[in-house]
Amino acid sequence: MSKEHNTTLDPRVSEAVQSLQSLILNHYPTATFTSFQSDDPEGTYLRAGVDVDDPDEVMDLAINRLLGYQLEQDLPIYLLPVRTDAGIAATLKTRKQALRPLAQIGSR
């Protein structure tokens, strides 16, 4: 179970979160972020909403820095790249439009 993060972060964690956000924003200027605490595993989670078809692109961009925080600095920080709601809606609309001609063919 997770809860929204309202408490003051360890300054090192806060700096790491800001650094990850800056890195992602440099490549994806419309990215949105939410940070929260969770306990599976325990730590600070940064959810990055990005308009990309494959959120793994965001992880590929940030993985070296994230591993540096986790392994070298022993900071419990996790990145969760996700597609934005608008991006998902656009994909669904495109798929629906692509399937419409197939449905018309089948009804003849």
PDB file of N, CA and C in Angstrom:
ATOM      1  N   MET A   1       0.854  -1.179   0.000  1.00  0.00           N
ATOM      2  CA  MET A   1       0.000   0.000   0.000  1.00  0.00           C
ATOM      3  C   MET A   1       0.889   1.227   0.000  1.00  0.00           C
ATOM      4  N   SER A   2       0.550   2.198  -0.803  1.00  0.00           N
ATOM      5  CA  SER A   2       1.341   3.421  -0.858  1.00  0.00           C
ATOM      6  C   SER A   2       0.518   4.599  -0.377  1.00  0.00           C
ATOM      7  N   LYS A   3       1.204   5.649  -0.005  1.00  0.00           N
ATOM      8  CA  LYS A   3       0.526   6.879   0.382  1.00  0.00           C
ATOM      9  C   LYS A   3       1.255   8.038  -0.252  1.00  0.00           C
ATOM     10  N   GLU A   4       0.558   9.117  -0.499  1.00  0.00           N
ATOM     11  CA  GLU A   4       1.192  10.287  -1.074  1.00  0.00           C
ATOM     12  C   GLU A   4       2.277  10.778  -0.120  1.00  0.00           C
ATOM     13  N   HIS A   5       3.347  11.236  -0.683  1.00  0.00           N
ATOM     14  CA  HIS A   5       4.491  11.673   0.105  1.00  0.00           C
ATOM     15  C   HIS A   5       4.292  13.118   0.539  1.00  0.00           C
ATOM     16  N   ASN A   6       4.064  13.314   1.827  1.00  0.00           N
ATOM     17  CA  ASN A   6       3.853  14.653   2.357  1.00  0.00           C
ATOM     18  C   ASN A   6       4.922  15.057   3.367  1.00  0.00           C
ATOM     19  N   THR A   7       5.777  14.123   3.728  1.00  0.00           N
ATOM     20  CA  THR A   7       6.787  14.445   4.729  1.00  0.00           C
ATOM     21  C   THR A   7       8.049  14.934   4.054  1.00  0.00           C
ATOM     22  N   THR A   8       8.894  15.568   4.835  1.00  0.00           N
ATOM     23  CA  THR A   8      10.154  16.075   4.313  1.00  0.00           C
ATOM     24  C   THR A   8      11.084  14.897   4.034  1.00  0.00           C
ATOM     25  N   LEU A   9      11.641  14.874   2.827  1.00  0.00           N
ATOM     26  CA  LEU A   9      12.560  13.823   2.446  1.00  0.00           C
ATOM     27  C   LEU A   9      13.946  14.074   3.029  1.00  0.00           C
ATOM     28  N   ASP A  10      14.704  13.018   3.160  1.00  0.00           N
ATOM     29  CA  ASP A  10      16.133  13.130   3.410  1.00  0.00           C
ATOM     30  C   ASP A  10      16.676  14.048   2.318  1.00  0.00           C
ATOM     31  N   PRO A  11      17.495  15.037   2.646  1.00  0.00           N
ATOM     32  CA  PRO A  11      17.976  15.974   1.622  1.00  0.00           C
ATOM     33  C   PRO A  11      18.656  15.274   0.440  1.00  0.00           C
ATOM     34  N   ARG A  12      19.364  14.174   0.677  1.00  0.00           N
ATOM     35  CA  ARG A  12      20.017  13.455  -0.412  1.00  0.00           C
ATOM     36  C   ARG A  12      18.982  12.822  -1.339  1.00  0.00           C
ATOM     37  N   VAL A  13      17.908  12.312  -0.759  1.00  0.00           N
ATOM     38  CA  VAL A  13      16.835  11.714  -1.563  1.00  0.00           C
ATOM     39  C   VAL A  13      16.125  12.807  -2.350  1.00  0.00           C
ATOM     40  N   SER A  14      15.858  13.916  -1.700  1.00  0.00           N
ATOM     41  CA  SER A  14      15.200  15.035  -2.372  1.00  0.00           C
ATOM     42  C   SER A  14      16.032  15.526  -3.558  1.00  0.00           C
ATOM     43  N   GLU A  15      17.336  15.661  -3.372  1.00  0.00           N
ATOM     44  CA  GLU A  15      18.219  16.081  -4.460  1.00  0.00           C
ATOM     45  C   GLU A  15      18.235  15.058  -5.589  1.00  0.00           C
ATOM     46  N   ALA A  16      18.236  13.785  -5.236  1.00  0.00           N
ATOM     47  CA  ALA A  16      18.238  12.721  -6.247  1.00  0.00           C
ATOM     48  C   ALA A  16      16.943  12.749  -7.052  1.00  0.00           C
ATOM     49  N   VAL A  17      15.824  12.942  -6.385  1.00  0.00           N
ATOM     50  CA  VAL A  17      14.535  13.021  -7.075  1.00  0.00           C
ATOM     51  C   VAL A  17      14.533  14.210  -8.026  1.00  0.00           C
ATOM     52  N   GLN A  18      15.003  15.352  -7.565  1.00  0.00           N
ATOM     53  CA  GLN A  18      15.059  16.545  -8.423  1.00  0.00           C
ATOM     54  C   GLN A  18      15.984  16.324  -9.617  1.00  0.00           C
ATOM     55  N   SER A  19      17.080  15.640  -9.391  1.00  0.00           N
ATOM     56  CA  SER A  19      18.025  15.359 -10.460  1.00  0.00           C
ATOM     57  C   SER A  19      17.400  14.441 -11.522  1.00  0.00           C
ATOM     58  N   LEU A  20      16.691  13.415 -11.077  1.00  0.00           N
ATOM     59  CA  LEU A  20      16.004  12.524 -12.021  1.00  0.00           C
ATOM     60  C   LEU A  20      14.936  13.283 -12.800  1.00  0.00           C
ATOM     61  N   GLN A  21      14.200  14.134 -12.113  1.00  0.00           N
ATOM     62  CA  GLN A  21      13.178  14.931 -12.790  1.00  0.00           C
ATOM     63  C   GLN A  21      13.817  15.824 -13.854  1.00  0.00           C
ATOM     64  N   SER A  22      14.908  16.478 -13.529  1.00  0.00           N
ATOM     65  CA  SER A  22      15.589  17.360 -14.495  1.00  0.00           C
ATOM     66  C   SER A  22      16.081  16.577 -15.695  1.00  0.00           C
ATOM     67  N   LEU A  23      16.670  15.418 -15.449  1.00  0.00           N
ATOM     68  CA  LEU A  23      17.160  14.578 -16.535  1.00  0.00           C
ATOM     69  C   LEU A  23      16.029  14.214 -17.491  1.00  0.00           C
ATOM     70  N   ILE A  24      14.908  13.801 -16.927  1.00  0.00           N
ATOM     71  CA  ILE A  24      13.763  13.385 -17.745  1.00  0.00           C
ATOM     72  C   ILE A  24      13.158  14.592 -18.468  1.00  0.00           C
ATOM     73  N   LEU A  25      13.015  15.713 -17.771  1.00  0.00           N
ATOM     74  CA  LEU A  25      12.450  16.914 -18.391  1.00  0.00           C
ATOM     75  C   LEU A  25      13.297  17.436 -19.549  1.00  0.00           C
ATOM     76  N   ASN A  26      14.602  17.242 -19.481  1.00  0.00           N
ATOM     77  CA  ASN A  26      15.471  17.673 -20.580  1.00  0.00           C
ATOM     78  C   ASN A  26      15.152  16.923 -21.866  1.00  0.00           C
ATOM     79  N   HIS A  27      14.692  15.704 -21.757  1.00  0.00           N
ATOM     80  CA  HIS A  27      14.364  14.898 -22.931  1.00  0.00           C
ATOM     81  C   HIS A  27      12.868  14.869 -23.231  1.00  0.00           C
ATOM     82  N   TYR A  28      12.065  15.033 -22.186  1.00  0.00           N
ATOM     83  CA  TYR A  28      10.600  14.980 -22.318  1.00  0.00           C
ATOM     84  C   TYR A  28      10.009  16.173 -21.559  1.00  0.00           C
ATOM     85  N   PRO A  29       9.967  17.346 -22.188  1.00  0.00           N
ATOM     86  CA  PRO A  29       9.567  18.577 -21.491  1.00  0.00           C
ATOM     87  C   PRO A  29       8.150  18.579 -20.921  1.00  0.00           C
ATOM     88  N   THR A  30       7.286  17.711 -21.422  1.00  0.00           N
ATOM     89  CA  THR A  30       5.909  17.690 -20.910  1.00  0.00           C
ATOM     90  C   THR A  30       5.702  16.640 -19.823  1.00  0.00           C
ATOM     91  N   ALA A  31       6.776  16.023 -19.376  1.00  0.00           N
ATOM     92  CA  ALA A  31       6.660  14.990 -18.339  1.00  0.00           C
ATOM     93  C   ALA A  31       6.048  15.576 -17.064  1.00  0.00           C
ATOM     94  N   THR A  32       5.294  14.739 -16.374  1.00  0.00           N
ATOM     95  CA  THR A  32       4.730  15.115 -15.077  1.00  0.00           C
ATOM     96  C   THR A  32       5.230  14.117 -14.042  1.00  0.00           C
ATOM     97  N   PHE A  33       5.281  14.548 -12.794  1.00  0.00           N
ATOM     98  CA  PHE A  33       5.868  13.708 -11.758  1.00  0.00           C
ATOM     99  C   PHE A  33       5.005  13.664 -10.504  1.00  0.00           C
ATOM    100  N   THR A  34       5.056  12.527  -9.850  1.00  0.00           N
ATOM    101  CA  THR A  34       4.473  12.345  -8.534  1.00  0.00           C
ATOM    102  C   THR A  34       5.463  11.518  -7.732  1.00  0.00           C
ATOM    103  N   SER A  35       5.761  11.948  -6.531  1.00  0.00           N
ATOM    104  CA  SER A  35       6.615  11.129  -5.672  1.00  0.00           C
ATOM    105  C   SER A  35       5.802  10.677  -4.473  1.00  0.00           C
ATOM    106  N   PHE A  36       6.107   9.475  -4.033  1.00  0.00           N
ATOM    107  CA  PHE A  36       5.388   8.910  -2.892  1.00  0.00           C
ATOM    108  C   PHE A  36       6.264   7.883  -2.204  1.00  0.00           C
ATOM    109  N   GLN A  37       5.882   7.546  -0.995  1.00  0.00           N
ATOM    110  CA  GLN A  37       6.574   6.530  -0.213  1.00  0.00           C
ATOM    111  C   GLN A  37       5.807   5.219  -0.312  1.00  0.00           C
ATOM    112  N   SER A  38       6.548   4.128  -0.363  1.00  0.00           N
ATOM    113  CA  SER A  38       5.929   2.807  -0.347  1.00  0.00           C
ATOM    114  C   SER A  38       6.857   1.865   0.399  1.00  0.00           C
ATOM    115  N   ASP A  39       6.342   0.692   0.700  1.00  0.00           N
ATOM    116  CA  ASP A  39       7.139  -0.231   1.508  1.00  0.00           C
ATOM    117  C   ASP A  39       7.395  -1.580   0.830  1.00  0.00           C
ATOM    118  N   ASP A  40       7.296  -1.635  -0.492  1.00  0.00           N
ATOM    119  CA  ASP A  40       7.530  -2.915  -1.168  1.00  0.00           C
ATOM    120  C   ASP A  40       8.324  -2.735  -2.455  1.00  0.00           C
ATOM    121  N   PRO A  41       9.612  -2.503  -2.413  1.00  0.00           N
ATOM    122  CA  PRO A  41      10.460  -2.296  -1.234  1.00  0.00           C
ATOM    123  C   PRO A  41      10.324  -0.875  -0.696  1.00  0.00           C
ATOM    124  N   GLU A  42      10.738  -0.718   0.532  1.00  0.00           N
ATOM    125  CA  GLU A  42      10.616   0.571   1.198  1.00  0.00           C
ATOM    126  C   GLU A  42      11.477   1.617   0.514  1.00  0.00           C
ATOM    127  N   GLY A  43      10.891   2.758   0.269  1.00  0.00           N
ATOM    128  CA  GLY A  43      11.658   3.832  -0.342  1.00  0.00           C
ATOM    129  C   GLY A  43      10.777   4.904  -0.937  1.00  0.00           C
ATOM    130  N   THR A  44      11.420   5.790  -1.663  1.00  0.00           N
ATOM    131  CA  THR A  44      10.746   6.875  -2.354  1.00  0.00           C
ATOM    132  C   THR A  44      10.591   6.493  -3.812  1.00  0.00           C
ATOM    133  N   TYR A  45       9.385   6.620  -4.319  1.00  0.00           N
ATOM    134  CA  TYR A  45       9.079   6.277  -5.698  1.00  0.00           C
ATOM    135  C   TYR A  45       8.780   7.553  -6.468  1.00  0.00           C
ATOM    136  N   LEU A  46       9.360   7.643  -7.647  1.00  0.00           N
ATOM    137  CA  LEU A  46       9.101   8.778  -8.531  1.00  0.00           C
ATOM    138  C   LEU A  46       8.358   8.233  -9.751  1.00  0.00           C
ATOM    139  N   ARG A  47       7.102   8.622  -9.869  1.00  0.00           N
ATOM    140  CA  ARG A  47       6.300   8.237 -11.034  1.00  0.00           C
ATOM    141  C   ARG A  47       6.436   9.352 -12.062  1.00  0.00           C
ATOM    142  N   ALA A  48       6.908   8.974 -13.258  1.00  0.00           N
ATOM    143  CA  ALA A  48       7.102   9.950 -14.341  1.00  0.00           C
ATOM    144  C   ALA A  48       6.103   9.647 -15.445  1.00  0.00           C
ATOM    145  N   GLY A  49       5.160  10.550 -15.659  1.00  0.00           N
ATOM    146  CA  GLY A  49       4.192  10.421 -16.747  1.00  0.00           C
ATOM    147  C   GLY A  49       4.750  11.087 -17.987  1.00  0.00           C
ATOM    148  N   VAL A  50       4.963  10.283 -19.042  1.00  0.00           N
ATOM    149  CA  VAL A  50       5.625  10.791 -20.244  1.00  0.00           C
ATOM    150  C   VAL A  50       4.844  10.352 -21.475  1.00  0.00           C
ATOM    151  N   ASP A  51       4.735  11.246 -22.453  1.00  0.00           N
ATOM    152  CA  ASP A  51       4.048  10.937 -23.709  1.00  0.00           C
ATOM    153  C   ASP A  51       4.989  10.192 -24.653  1.00  0.00           C
ATOM    154  N   VAL A  52       5.137   8.909 -24.409  1.00  0.00           N
ATOM    155  CA  VAL A  52       5.926   8.028 -25.276  1.00  0.00           C
ATOM    156  C   VAL A  52       5.153   6.730 -25.451  1.00  0.00           C
ATOM    157  N   ASP A  53       5.419   6.045 -26.552  1.00  0.00           N
ATOM    158  CA  ASP A  53       4.766   4.757 -26.770  1.00  0.00           C
ATOM    159  C   ASP A  53       5.313   3.683 -25.832  1.00  0.00           C
ATOM    160  N   ASP A  54       6.593   3.794 -25.492  1.00  0.00           N
ATOM    161  CA  ASP A  54       7.235   2.791 -24.656  1.00  0.00           C
ATOM    162  C   ASP A  54       7.916   3.465 -23.461  1.00  0.00           C
ATOM    163  N   PRO A  55       7.346   3.352 -22.261  1.00  0.00           N
ATOM    164  CA  PRO A  55       7.945   3.978 -21.080  1.00  0.00           C
ATOM    165  C   PRO A  55       9.353   3.475 -20.766  1.00  0.00           C
ATOM    166  N   ASP A  56       9.734   2.331 -21.336  1.00  0.00           N
ATOM    167  CA  ASP A  56      11.093   1.844 -21.119  1.00  0.00           C
ATOM    168  C   ASP A  56      12.133   2.815 -21.660  1.00  0.00           C
ATOM    169  N   GLU A  57      11.754   3.661 -22.625  1.00  0.00           N
ATOM    170  CA  GLU A  57      12.671   4.685 -23.135  1.00  0.00           C
ATOM    171  C   GLU A  57      13.117   5.612 -22.004  1.00  0.00           C
ATOM    172  N   VAL A  58      12.191   5.920 -21.108  1.00  0.00           N
ATOM    173  CA  VAL A  58      12.497   6.796 -19.978  1.00  0.00           C
ATOM    174  C   VAL A  58      13.432   6.076 -19.010  1.00  0.00           C
ATOM    175  N   MET A  59      13.167   4.806 -18.761  1.00  0.00           N
ATOM    176  CA  MET A  59      14.035   4.036 -17.875  1.00  0.00           C
ATOM    177  C   MET A  59      15.436   3.909 -18.475  1.00  0.00           C
ATOM    178  N   ASP A  60      15.510   3.682 -19.790  1.00  0.00           N
ATOM    179  CA  ASP A  60      16.818   3.595 -20.453  1.00  0.00           C
ATOM    180  C   ASP A  60      17.607   4.891 -20.257  1.00  0.00           C
ATOM    181  N   LEU A  61      16.916   6.007 -20.317  1.00  0.00           N
ATOM    182  CA  LEU A  61      17.550   7.312 -20.149  1.00  0.00           C
ATOM    183  C   LEU A  61      18.111   7.491 -18.732  1.00  0.00           C
ATOM    184  N   ALA A  62      17.366   7.022 -17.734  1.00  0.00           N
ATOM    185  CA  ALA A  62      17.689   7.330 -16.342  1.00  0.00           C
ATOM    186  C   ALA A  62      18.378   6.196 -15.584  1.00  0.00           C
ATOM    187  N   ILE A  63      18.505   5.027 -16.180  1.00  0.00           N
ATOM    188  CA  ILE A  63      18.940   3.853 -15.411  1.00  0.00           C
ATOM    189  C   ILE A  63      20.325   4.021 -14.785  1.00  0.00           C
ATOM    190  N   ASN A  64      21.276   4.588 -15.490  1.00  0.00           N
ATOM    191  CA  ASN A  64      22.621   4.729 -14.918  1.00  0.00           C
ATOM    192  C   ASN A  64      22.623   5.627 -13.693  1.00  0.00           C
ATOM    193  N   ARG A  65      21.914   6.739 -13.786  1.00  0.00           N
ATOM    194  CA  ARG A  65      21.851   7.656 -12.640  1.00  0.00           C
ATOM    195  C   ARG A  65      21.087   7.005 -11.488  1.00  0.00           C
ATOM    196  N   LEU A  66      19.983   6.329 -11.811  1.00  0.00           N
ATOM    197  CA  LEU A  66      19.189   5.667 -10.775  1.00  0.00           C
ATOM    198  C   LEU A  66      20.008   4.601 -10.051  1.00  0.00           C
ATOM    199  N   LEU A  67      20.743   3.785 -10.803  1.00  0.00           N
ATOM    200  CA  LEU A  67      21.578   2.756 -10.176  1.00  0.00           C
ATOM    201  C   LEU A  67      22.688   3.377  -9.341  1.00  0.00           C
ATOM    202  N   GLY A  68      23.205   4.515  -9.770  1.00  0.00           N
ATOM    203  CA  GLY A  68      24.194   5.220  -8.957  1.00  0.00           C
ATOM    204  C   GLY A  68      23.628   5.606  -7.603  1.00  0.00           C
ATOM    205  N   TYR A  69      22.416   6.115  -7.607  1.00  0.00           N
ATOM    206  CA  TYR A  69      21.781   6.471  -6.334  1.00  0.00           C
ATOM    207  C   TYR A  69      21.534   5.231  -5.478  1.00  0.00           C
ATOM    208  N   GLN A  70      21.042   4.182  -6.100  1.00  0.00           N
ATOM    209  CA  GLN A  70      20.695   2.983  -5.346  1.00  0.00           C
ATOM    210  C   GLN A  70      21.927   2.230  -4.846  1.00  0.00           C
ATOM    211  N   LEU A  71      22.895   2.015  -5.712  1.00  0.00           N
ATOM    212  CA  LEU A  71      24.024   1.157  -5.374  1.00  0.00           C
ATOM    213  C   LEU A  71      25.206   1.897  -4.764  1.00  0.00           C
ATOM    214  N   GLU A  72      25.534   3.056  -5.293  1.00  0.00           N
ATOM    215  CA  GLU A  72      26.705   3.774  -4.807  1.00  0.00           C
ATOM    216  C   GLU A  72      26.393   4.642  -3.593  1.00  0.00           C
ATOM    217  N   GLN A  73      25.188   5.226  -3.566  1.00  0.00           N
ATOM    218  CA  GLN A  73      24.834   6.114  -2.461  1.00  0.00           C
ATOM    219  C   GLN A  73      23.859   5.471  -1.484  1.00  0.00           C
ATOM    220  N   ASP A  74      23.432   4.251  -1.778  1.00  0.00           N
ATOM    221  CA  ASP A  74      22.518   3.499  -0.899  1.00  0.00           C
ATOM    222  C   ASP A  74      21.223   4.265  -0.610  1.00  0.00           C
ATOM    223  N   LEU A  75      20.695   4.927  -1.655  1.00  0.00           N
ATOM    224  CA  LEU A  75      19.445   5.674  -1.510  1.00  0.00           C
ATOM    225  C   LEU A  75      18.291   4.836  -2.042  1.00  0.00           C
ATOM    226  N   PRO A  76      17.232   4.697  -1.261  1.00  0.00           N
ATOM    227  CA  PRO A  76      16.082   3.884  -1.684  1.00  0.00           C
ATOM    228  C   PRO A  76      15.137   4.675  -2.603  1.00  0.00           C
ATOM    229  N   ILE A  77      15.561   4.824  -3.859  1.00  0.00           N
ATOM    230  CA  ILE A  77      14.798   5.594  -4.837  1.00  0.00           C
ATOM    231  C   ILE A  77      14.442   4.670  -5.990  1.00  0.00           C
ATOM    232  N   TYR A  78      13.202   4.754  -6.435  1.00  0.00           N
ATOM    233  CA  TYR A  78      12.719   3.904  -7.522  1.00  0.00           C
ATOM    234  C   TYR A  78      11.986   4.763  -8.540  1.00  0.00           C
ATOM    235  N   LEU A  79      12.172   4.459  -9.805  1.00  0.00           N
ATOM    236  CA  LEU A  79      11.543   5.204 -10.888  1.00  0.00           C
ATOM    237  C   LEU A  79      10.478   4.345 -11.547  1.00  0.00           C
ATOM    238  N   LEU A  80       9.298   4.928 -11.721  1.00  0.00           N
ATOM    239  CA  LEU A  80       8.178   4.251 -12.376  1.00  0.00           C
ATOM    240  C   LEU A  80       7.738   5.079 -13.581  1.00  0.00           C
ATOM    241  N   PRO A  81       8.323   4.847 -14.743  1.00  0.00           N
ATOM    242  CA  PRO A  81       7.879   5.591 -15.926  1.00  0.00           C
ATOM    243  C   PRO A  81       6.559   5.019 -16.441  1.00  0.00           C
ATOM    244  N   VAL A  82       5.613   5.891 -16.706  1.00  0.00           N
ATOM    245  CA  VAL A  82       4.293   5.476 -17.209  1.00  0.00           C
ATOM    246  C   VAL A  82       3.876   6.393 -18.345  1.00  0.00           C
ATOM    247  N   ARG A  83       3.001   5.882 -19.179  1.00  0.00           N
ATOM    248  CA  ARG A  83       2.423   6.722 -20.233  1.00  0.00           C
ATOM    249  C   ARG A  83       1.375   7.626 -19.605  1.00  0.00           C
ATOM    250  N   THR A  84       1.206   8.804 -20.178  1.00  0.00           N
ATOM    251  CA  THR A  84       0.188   9.724 -19.669  1.00  0.00           C
ATOM    252  C   THR A  84      -1.197   9.259 -20.096  1.00  0.00           C
ATOM    253  N   ASP A  85      -2.201   9.722 -19.404  1.00  0.00           N
ATOM    254  CA  ASP A  85      -3.578   9.398 -19.776  1.00  0.00           C
ATOM    255  C   ASP A  85      -3.882   9.878 -21.192  1.00  0.00           C
ATOM    256  N   ALA A  86      -3.386  11.060 -21.540  1.00  0.00           N
ATOM    257  CA  ALA A  86      -3.621  11.600 -22.883  1.00  0.00           C
ATOM    258  C   ALA A  86      -2.969  10.709 -23.942  1.00  0.00           C
ATOM    259  N   GLY A  87      -1.782  10.218 -23.646  1.00  0.00           N
ATOM    260  CA  GLY A  87      -1.098   9.334 -24.584  1.00  0.00           C
ATOM    261  C   GLY A  87      -1.827   8.019 -24.769  1.00  0.00           C
ATOM    262  N   ILE A  88      -2.331   7.481 -23.692  1.00  0.00           N
ATOM    263  CA  ILE A  88      -3.090   6.234 -23.763  1.00  0.00           C
ATOM    264  C   ILE A  88      -4.381   6.456 -24.548  1.00  0.00           C
ATOM    265  N   ALA A  89      -5.061   7.568 -24.280  1.00  0.00           N
ATOM    266  CA  ALA A  89      -6.313   7.878 -24.987  1.00  0.00           C
ATOM    267  C   ALA A  89      -6.064   8.027 -26.487  1.00  0.00           C
ATOM    268  N   ALA A  90      -4.975   8.685 -26.854  1.00  0.00           N
ATOM    269  CA  ALA A  90      -4.664   8.861 -28.279  1.00  0.00           C
ATOM    270  C   ALA A  90      -4.398   7.516 -28.949  1.00  0.00           C
ATOM    271  N   THR A  91      -3.689   6.631 -28.271  1.00  0.00           N
ATOM    272  CA  THR A  91      -3.424   5.297 -28.820  1.00  0.00           C
ATOM    273  C   THR A  91      -4.715   4.523 -28.998  1.00  0.00           C
ATOM    274  N   LEU A  92      -5.591   4.582 -28.006  1.00  0.00           N
ATOM    275  CA  LEU A  92      -6.874   3.877 -28.101  1.00  0.00           C
ATOM    276  C   LEU A  92      -7.720   4.421 -29.249  1.00  0.00           C
ATOM    277  N   LYS A  93      -7.706   5.728 -29.420  1.00  0.00           N
ATOM    278  CA  LYS A  93      -8.472   6.349 -30.501  1.00  0.00           C
ATOM    279  C   LYS A  93      -7.933   5.884 -31.854  1.00  0.00           C
ATOM    280  N   THR A  94      -6.610   5.864 -31.993  1.00  0.00           N
ATOM    281  CA  THR A  94      -5.991   5.415 -33.240  1.00  0.00           C
ATOM    282  C   THR A  94      -6.335   3.956 -33.526  1.00  0.00           C
ATOM    283  N   ARG A  95      -6.266   3.118 -32.514  1.00  0.00           N
ATOM    284  CA  ARG A  95      -6.594   1.702 -32.690  1.00  0.00           C
ATOM    285  C   ARG A  95      -8.060   1.518 -33.071  1.00  0.00           C
ATOM    286  N   LYS A  96      -8.921   2.295 -32.420  1.00  0.00           N
ATOM    287  CA  LYS A  96     -10.348   2.190 -32.704  1.00  0.00           C
ATOM    288  C   LYS A  96     -10.635   2.595 -34.148  1.00  0.00           C
ATOM    289  N   GLN A  97      -9.981   3.665 -34.616  1.00  0.00           N
ATOM    290  CA  GLN A  97     -10.165   4.106 -36.000  1.00  0.00           C
ATOM    291  C   GLN A  97      -9.617   3.081 -36.979  1.00  0.00           C
ATOM    292  N   ALA A  98      -8.521   2.426 -36.629  1.00  0.00           N
ATOM    293  CA  ALA A  98      -7.928   1.416 -37.508  1.00  0.00           C
ATOM    294  C   ALA A  98      -8.808   0.175 -37.587  1.00  0.00           C
ATOM    295  N   LEU A  99      -9.508  -0.138 -36.513  1.00  0.00           N
ATOM    296  CA  LEU A  99     -10.357  -1.328 -36.488  1.00  0.00           C
ATOM    297  C   LEU A  99     -11.717  -1.088 -37.142  1.00  0.00           C
ATOM    298  N   ARG A 100     -12.149   0.144 -37.229  1.00  0.00           N
ATOM    299  CA  ARG A 100     -13.458   0.468 -37.783  1.00  0.00           C
ATOM    300  C   ARG A 100     -13.630  -0.079 -39.204  1.00  0.00           C
ATOM    301  N   PRO A 101     -12.691   0.101 -40.126  1.00  0.00           N
ATOM    302  CA  PRO A 101     -12.863  -0.452 -41.471  1.00  0.00           C
ATOM    303  C   PRO A 101     -12.964  -1.981 -41.459  1.00  0.00           C
ATOM    304  N   LEU A 102     -12.264  -2.637 -40.565  1.00  0.00           N
ATOM    305  CA  LEU A 102     -12.361  -4.090 -40.482  1.00  0.00           C
ATOM    306  C   LEU A 102     -13.756  -4.524 -40.049  1.00  0.00           C
ATOM    307  N   ALA A 103     -14.351  -3.786 -39.131  1.00  0.00           N
ATOM    308  CA  ALA A 103     -15.696  -4.106 -38.668  1.00  0.00           C
ATOM    309  C   ALA A 103     -16.704  -3.900 -39.780  1.00  0.00           C
ATOM    310  N   GLN A 104     -16.503  -2.876 -40.602  1.00  0.00           N
ATOM    311  CA  GLN A 104     -17.412  -2.616 -41.727  1.00  0.00           C
ATOM    312  C   GLN A 104     -17.304  -3.722 -42.777  1.00  0.00           C
ATOM    313  N   ILE A 105     -16.110  -4.224 -43.013  1.00  0.00           N
ATOM    314  CA  ILE A 105     -15.915  -5.312 -43.973  1.00  0.00           C
ATOM    315  C   ILE A 105     -16.646  -6.556 -43.493  1.00  0.00           C
ATOM    316  N   GLY A 106     -16.556  -6.844 -42.200  1.00  0.00           N
ATOM    317  CA  GLY A 106     -17.188  -8.033 -41.646  1.00  0.00           C
ATOM    318  C   GLY A 106     -18.699  -7.985 -41.640  1.00  0.00           C
ATOM    319  N   SER A 107     -19.286  -6.797 -41.730  1.00  0.00           N
ATOM    320  CA  SER A 107     -20.746  -6.688 -41.657  1.00  0.00           C
ATOM    321  C   SER A 107     -21.401  -6.744 -43.025  1.00  0.00           C
ATOM    322  N   ARG A 108     -20.656  -6.872 -44.060  1.00  0.00           N
ATOM    323  CA  ARG A 108     -21.216  -6.912 -45.423  1.00  0.00           C
ATOM    324  C   ARG A 108     -21.739  -8.253 -45.764  1.00  0.00           C
TER     325      ARG A 108
END
